[in-house]
């Protein structure tokens, strides 16, 4: 059964608490429950289990970068991959905002909208 949106399972919460909300792949703080995933140290696809000792806290991006490999890479690898993913998400968000801004009718553009659009244009 899938958990409700905005709800964190007791198991995930206990693993995060045990790991002090630190990603066990890049060793940085996990800022929000939405960024938290549980990584299987030995992937289930390679014979790993859901045992407490085989599960650790990880950022979504770090867990995705690890994939189904059994040996973790150095923390710098995950930090770089995570930064690249966050940057790509930000660029996509800015593109979507620019596209939306270009659809605003001229009659609805006020000084506040102009300032936001101008700042977005300067970013890229």
Protein backbone atom coordinates (compact mmCIF):
# COMPACT_ATOMS: atom_id res chain seq x y z
CA UNK A 1 0.00 0.00 0.00
CA UNK A 2 1.40 3.36 -1.01
CA UNK A 3 1.71 6.08 1.64
CA UNK A 4 -0.39 9.21 1.40
CA UNK A 5 1.23 12.31 -0.02
CA UNK A 6 3.02 14.31 2.65
CA UNK A 7 3.15 11.28 4.92
CA UNK A 8 6.43 9.63 5.91
CA UNK A 9 6.35 5.98 6.94
CA UNK A 10 7.44 5.09 10.46
CA UNK A 11 10.25 3.00 9.00
CA UNK A 12 11.66 5.90 6.95
CA UNK A 13 11.31 8.24 9.92
CA UNK A 14 13.18 5.81 12.20
CA UNK A 15 15.99 5.35 9.66
CA UNK A 16 16.30 9.13 9.20
CA UNK A 17 16.39 9.62 12.96
CA UNK A 18 19.01 6.87 13.37
CA UNK A 19 21.17 8.51 10.67
CA UNK A 20 20.55 11.99 12.18
CA UNK A 21 19.06 13.16 8.85
CA UNK A 22 22.50 12.87 7.23
CA UNK A 23 22.73 11.36 3.74
CA UNK A 24 24.97 8.32 4.11
CA UNK A 25 26.27 8.74 0.55
CA UNK A 26 27.33 12.42 0.43
CA UNK A 27 27.33 13.05 4.22
CA UNK A 28 25.30 16.27 3.94
CA UNK A 29 22.15 17.18 5.85
CA UNK A 30 18.83 16.09 4.32
CA UNK A 31 16.81 19.32 4.46
CA UNK A 32 13.26 18.00 4.18
CA UNK A 33 11.28 14.76 4.25
CA UNK A 34 10.63 15.22 0.53
CA UNK A 35 14.37 14.87 -0.18
CA UNK A 36 14.69 11.68 1.87
CA UNK A 37 14.91 8.20 0.39
CA UNK A 38 16.00 4.93 1.92
CA UNK A 39 18.99 3.40 0.15
CA UNK A 40 19.66 -0.33 0.32
CA UNK A 41 23.40 -0.72 0.90
CA UNK A 42 23.22 -4.05 -0.92
CA UNK A 43 20.45 -3.51 -3.49
CA UNK A 44 17.42 -5.78 -3.36
CA UNK A 45 18.13 -6.58 -7.04
CA UNK A 46 21.47 -8.05 -5.94
CA UNK A 47 20.16 -10.12 -3.04
CA UNK A 48 19.91 -7.39 -0.37
CA UNK A 49 17.06 -7.33 2.12
CA UNK A 50 14.91 -4.72 3.80
CA UNK A 51 16.72 -5.43 7.07
CA UNK A 52 17.44 -2.41 9.27
CA UNK A 53 21.22 -2.88 8.86
CA UNK A 54 20.95 -2.82 5.05
CA UNK A 55 19.01 0.47 4.88
CA UNK A 56 20.41 4.01 5.18
CA UNK A 57 19.14 7.55 4.63
CA UNK A 58 20.01 9.22 1.33
CA UNK A 59 19.05 12.22 -0.79
CA UNK A 60 16.89 11.34 -3.80
CA UNK A 61 19.64 12.47 -6.16
CA UNK A 62 22.40 10.57 -4.35
CA UNK A 63 20.34 7.38 -4.24
CA UNK A 64 19.55 7.74 -7.94
CA UNK A 65 23.26 8.26 -8.73
CA UNK A 66 24.19 5.11 -6.79
CA UNK A 67 21.57 3.09 -8.64
CA UNK A 68 21.91 -0.65 -8.04
CA UNK A 69 25.66 -0.64 -7.46
CA UNK A 70 26.91 -2.31 -4.30
CA UNK A 71 29.92 -0.11 -3.59
CA UNK A 72 29.37 3.57 -2.94
CA UNK A 73 31.50 6.19 -4.68
CA UNK A 74 33.42 8.88 -2.76
CA UNK A 75 31.13 11.55 -1.20
CA UNK A 76 32.41 14.17 -3.69
CA UNK A 77 30.88 12.14 -6.55
CA UNK A 78 27.41 12.31 -4.99
CA UNK A 79 27.79 15.98 -4.07
CA UNK A 80 28.65 16.84 -7.71
CA UNK A 81 25.79 14.74 -9.11
CA UNK A 82 23.35 16.30 -6.64
CA UNK A 83 24.51 19.85 -7.45
CA UNK A 84 24.20 19.14 -11.18
CA UNK A 85 20.65 17.81 -10.71
CA UNK A 86 19.61 20.79 -8.60
CA UNK A 87 21.08 23.19 -11.19
CA UNK A 88 19.25 21.39 -14.01
CA UNK A 89 15.98 21.60 -12.06
CA UNK A 90 16.53 25.33 -11.45
CA UNK A 91 17.25 25.99 -15.14
CA UNK A 92 14.08 24.09 -16.08
CA UNK A 93 12.04 26.07 -13.54
CA UNK A 94 13.41 29.35 -14.92
CA UNK A 95 12.59 28.30 -18.50
CA UNK A 96 9.04 27.44 -17.46
CA UNK A 97 8.71 30.77 -15.63
CA UNK A 98 9.96 32.68 -18.69
CA UNK A 99 7.53 30.80 -20.92
CA UNK A 100 4.68 31.62 -18.54
CA UNK A 101 5.79 35.24 -18.29
CA UNK A 102 5.78 35.60 -22.06
CA UNK A 103 2.09 34.60 -22.06
CA UNK A 104 1.04 37.36 -19.65
CA UNK A 105 -1.14 39.86 -21.52
CA UNK A 106 0.42 43.32 -21.71
CA UNK A 107 -2.60 44.77 -19.88
CA UNK A 108 -1.84 42.59 -16.83
CA UNK A 109 1.87 43.38 -16.52
CA UNK A 110 2.56 45.69 -13.61
CA UNK A 111 5.83 47.01 -12.20
CA UNK A 112 6.26 44.03 -9.87
CA UNK A 113 5.84 41.54 -12.75
CA UNK A 114 8.32 43.52 -14.86
CA UNK A 115 10.92 43.38 -12.08
CA UNK A 116 10.53 39.59 -11.68
CA UNK A 117 10.72 39.00 -15.43
CA UNK A 118 13.78 41.24 -15.70
CA UNK A 119 15.56 39.37 -12.86
CA UNK A 120 14.80 36.02 -14.48
CA UNK A 121 16.19 37.23 -17.79
CA UNK A 122 19.41 38.35 -16.07
CA UNK A 123 19.93 34.93 -14.47
CA UNK A 124 20.48 33.24 -17.83
